[in-house]
Amino acid sequence: RGLGVGAALVRGLEGAAAQLGLRAVDLHAQTHALGFYERLGYQAYGPEFEDAGIPHRAMRRVL
């Protein structure tokens, strides 16, 4: 954490998605990680839900 590895991974995946012609990336983020994804331009939508007993929110970033 704090080394930029996570952000670099997300940006790499976004680049691959853009090369495939995708216009947006959607993900399910654990609620404690919302801030991380928000700093990368993702916006939460819809209600909170549980996955594997952990609260999550759907998020999207238009590429």
N, C-alpha and C. Protein backbone atom coordinates (compact mmCIF):
# COMPACT_ATOMS: atom_id res chain seq x y z
N ARG A 1 0.83 -1.20 0.00
CA ARG A 1 0.00 0.00 0.00
C ARG A 1 0.87 1.25 0.00
N GLY A 2 0.37 2.27 -0.67
CA GLY A 2 1.06 3.54 -0.70
C GLY A 2 2.19 3.64 -1.71
N LEU A 3 2.41 2.59 -2.49
CA LEU A 3 3.49 2.60 -3.46
C LEU A 3 3.00 2.85 -4.89
N GLY A 4 1.69 2.94 -5.08
CA GLY A 4 1.13 3.18 -6.40
C GLY A 4 0.92 1.94 -7.24
N VAL A 5 1.18 0.77 -6.66
CA VAL A 5 1.04 -0.48 -7.41
C VAL A 5 -0.41 -0.73 -7.79
N GLY A 6 -1.34 -0.54 -6.85
CA GLY A 6 -2.75 -0.76 -7.13
C GLY A 6 -3.26 0.15 -8.23
N ALA A 7 -2.91 1.42 -8.15
CA ALA A 7 -3.33 2.38 -9.18
C ALA A 7 -2.75 2.01 -10.54
N ALA A 8 -1.49 1.56 -10.56
CA ALA A 8 -0.86 1.16 -11.82
C ALA A 8 -1.57 -0.05 -12.42
N LEU A 9 -1.97 -1.00 -11.58
CA LEU A 9 -2.70 -2.17 -12.06
C LEU A 9 -4.04 -1.76 -12.66
N VAL A 10 -4.77 -0.90 -11.96
CA VAL A 10 -6.07 -0.45 -12.46
C VAL A 10 -5.89 0.28 -13.78
N ARG A 11 -4.92 1.17 -13.87
CA ARG A 11 -4.68 1.91 -15.11
C ARG A 11 -4.31 0.97 -16.25
N GLY A 12 -3.54 -0.07 -15.95
CA GLY A 12 -3.19 -1.05 -16.97
C GLY A 12 -4.41 -1.79 -17.48
N LEU A 13 -5.30 -2.16 -16.58
CA LEU A 13 -6.54 -2.84 -16.99
C LEU A 13 -7.42 -1.91 -17.80
N GLU A 14 -7.46 -0.64 -17.40
CA GLU A 14 -8.25 0.33 -18.17
C GLU A 14 -7.69 0.48 -19.58
N GLY A 15 -6.37 0.50 -19.71
CA GLY A 15 -5.75 0.60 -21.03
C GLY A 15 -6.10 -0.60 -21.89
N ALA A 16 -6.08 -1.79 -21.30
CA ALA A 16 -6.44 -3.00 -22.04
C ALA A 16 -7.90 -2.95 -22.45
N ALA A 17 -8.77 -2.47 -21.56
CA ALA A 17 -10.20 -2.36 -21.88
C ALA A 17 -10.41 -1.38 -23.02
N ALA A 18 -9.71 -0.26 -23.01
CA ALA A 18 -9.83 0.74 -24.08
C ALA A 18 -9.36 0.16 -25.41
N GLN A 19 -8.28 -0.62 -25.40
CA GLN A 19 -7.79 -1.24 -26.64
C GLN A 19 -8.81 -2.22 -27.22
N LEU A 20 -9.63 -2.80 -26.34
CA LEU A 20 -10.68 -3.71 -26.79
C LEU A 20 -11.92 -2.97 -27.27
N GLY A 21 -11.89 -1.64 -27.15
CA GLY A 21 -13.01 -0.83 -27.60
C GLY A 21 -14.09 -0.60 -26.55
N LEU A 22 -13.81 -0.97 -25.31
CA LEU A 22 -14.79 -0.73 -24.25
C LEU A 22 -14.83 0.75 -23.92
N ARG A 23 -15.99 1.22 -23.56
CA ARG A 23 -16.17 2.65 -23.26
C ARG A 23 -16.19 2.95 -21.78
N ALA A 24 -16.32 1.91 -20.96
CA ALA A 24 -16.38 2.10 -19.50
C ALA A 24 -15.89 0.84 -18.82
N VAL A 25 -15.50 1.00 -17.56
CA VAL A 25 -15.11 -0.13 -16.73
C VAL A 25 -16.01 -0.12 -15.50
N ASP A 26 -16.59 -1.27 -15.20
CA ASP A 26 -17.40 -1.44 -14.00
C ASP A 26 -16.69 -2.40 -13.07
N LEU A 27 -16.85 -2.17 -11.75
CA LEU A 27 -16.26 -3.07 -10.77
C LEU A 27 -17.13 -3.08 -9.52
N HIS A 28 -16.88 -4.05 -8.67
CA HIS A 28 -17.53 -4.14 -7.37
C HIS A 28 -16.44 -3.91 -6.32
N ALA A 29 -16.53 -2.79 -5.63
CA ALA A 29 -15.50 -2.40 -4.66
C ALA A 29 -15.97 -2.65 -3.24
N GLN A 30 -15.08 -3.18 -2.42
CA GLN A 30 -15.38 -3.25 -0.99
C GLN A 30 -15.55 -1.82 -0.51
N THR A 31 -16.52 -1.60 0.37
CA THR A 31 -16.84 -0.22 0.76
C THR A 31 -15.65 0.51 1.39
N HIS A 32 -14.78 -0.20 2.06
CA HIS A 32 -13.62 0.48 2.66
C HIS A 32 -12.64 0.97 1.60
N ALA A 33 -12.76 0.47 0.34
CA ALA A 33 -11.85 0.88 -0.73
C ALA A 33 -12.48 1.90 -1.68
N LEU A 34 -13.66 2.41 -1.36
CA LEU A 34 -14.33 3.37 -2.25
C LEU A 34 -13.45 4.58 -2.54
N GLY A 35 -12.80 5.11 -1.54
CA GLY A 35 -11.96 6.29 -1.72
C GLY A 35 -10.84 6.05 -2.72
N PHE A 36 -10.24 4.88 -2.67
CA PHE A 36 -9.17 4.53 -3.62
C PHE A 36 -9.68 4.63 -5.04
N TYR A 37 -10.82 4.01 -5.31
CA TYR A 37 -11.37 4.02 -6.66
C TYR A 37 -11.90 5.40 -7.05
N GLU A 38 -12.46 6.14 -6.10
CA GLU A 38 -12.92 7.50 -6.39
C GLU A 38 -11.76 8.37 -6.83
N ARG A 39 -10.60 8.22 -6.20
CA ARG A 39 -9.42 8.99 -6.59
C ARG A 39 -8.97 8.65 -8.01
N LEU A 40 -9.34 7.47 -8.50
CA LEU A 40 -9.00 7.05 -9.86
C LEU A 40 -10.11 7.39 -10.85
N GLY A 41 -11.14 8.09 -10.39
CA GLY A 41 -12.19 8.55 -11.29
C GLY A 41 -13.45 7.70 -11.34
N TYR A 42 -13.55 6.69 -10.49
CA TYR A 42 -14.73 5.84 -10.47
C TYR A 42 -15.83 6.48 -9.63
N GLN A 43 -17.08 6.21 -10.02
CA GLN A 43 -18.23 6.72 -9.28
C GLN A 43 -19.10 5.55 -8.84
N ALA A 44 -19.48 5.55 -7.58
CA ALA A 44 -20.34 4.50 -7.04
C ALA A 44 -21.77 4.72 -7.52
N TYR A 45 -22.48 3.61 -7.72
CA TYR A 45 -23.90 3.67 -8.08
C TYR A 45 -24.62 2.48 -7.47
N GLY A 46 -25.89 2.63 -7.29
CA GLY A 46 -26.70 1.55 -6.74
C GLY A 46 -26.49 1.36 -5.25
N PRO A 47 -27.27 0.45 -4.68
CA PRO A 47 -27.20 0.24 -3.24
C PRO A 47 -25.99 -0.60 -2.83
N GLU A 48 -25.66 -0.52 -1.57
CA GLU A 48 -24.61 -1.37 -1.00
C GLU A 48 -25.14 -2.81 -0.99
N PHE A 49 -24.24 -3.78 -1.21
CA PHE A 49 -24.62 -5.18 -1.19
C PHE A 49 -23.48 -5.99 -0.58
N GLU A 50 -23.79 -7.19 -0.16
CA GLU A 50 -22.77 -8.06 0.42
C GLU A 50 -22.27 -9.07 -0.59
N ASP A 51 -20.97 -9.28 -0.58
CA ASP A 51 -20.34 -10.33 -1.37
C ASP A 51 -19.34 -11.01 -0.44
N ALA A 52 -19.48 -12.30 -0.25
CA ALA A 52 -18.62 -13.06 0.66
C ALA A 52 -18.64 -12.47 2.07
N GLY A 53 -19.80 -11.92 2.47
CA GLY A 53 -19.94 -11.35 3.81
C GLY A 53 -19.31 -9.98 3.98
N ILE A 54 -18.89 -9.35 2.89
CA ILE A 54 -18.22 -8.05 2.94
C ILE A 54 -19.06 -7.04 2.17
N PRO A 55 -19.34 -5.85 2.75
CA PRO A 55 -20.13 -4.87 2.02
C PRO A 55 -19.39 -4.30 0.81
N HIS A 56 -20.11 -4.16 -0.29
CA HIS A 56 -19.57 -3.68 -1.56
C HIS A 56 -20.49 -2.63 -2.17
N ARG A 57 -19.95 -1.88 -3.12
CA ARG A 57 -20.73 -0.98 -3.99
C ARG A 57 -20.25 -1.19 -5.41
N ALA A 58 -21.19 -1.07 -6.35
CA ALA A 58 -20.84 -1.08 -7.77
C ALA A 58 -20.24 0.28 -8.10
N MET A 59 -19.24 0.28 -8.99
CA MET A 59 -18.60 1.53 -9.40
C MET A 59 -18.34 1.47 -10.91
N ARG A 60 -18.25 2.66 -11.51
CA ARG A 60 -18.00 2.75 -12.95
C ARG A 60 -17.11 3.94 -13.25
N ARG A 61 -16.27 3.78 -14.28
CA ARG A 61 -15.47 4.88 -14.82
C ARG A 61 -15.59 4.84 -16.33
N VAL A 62 -16.00 5.96 -16.90
CA VAL A 62 -16.06 6.07 -18.35
C VAL A 62 -14.64 6.30 -18.86
N LEU A 63 -14.26 5.56 -19.89
CA LEU A 63 -12.89 5.65 -20.41
C LEU A 63 -12.72 6.77 -21.41
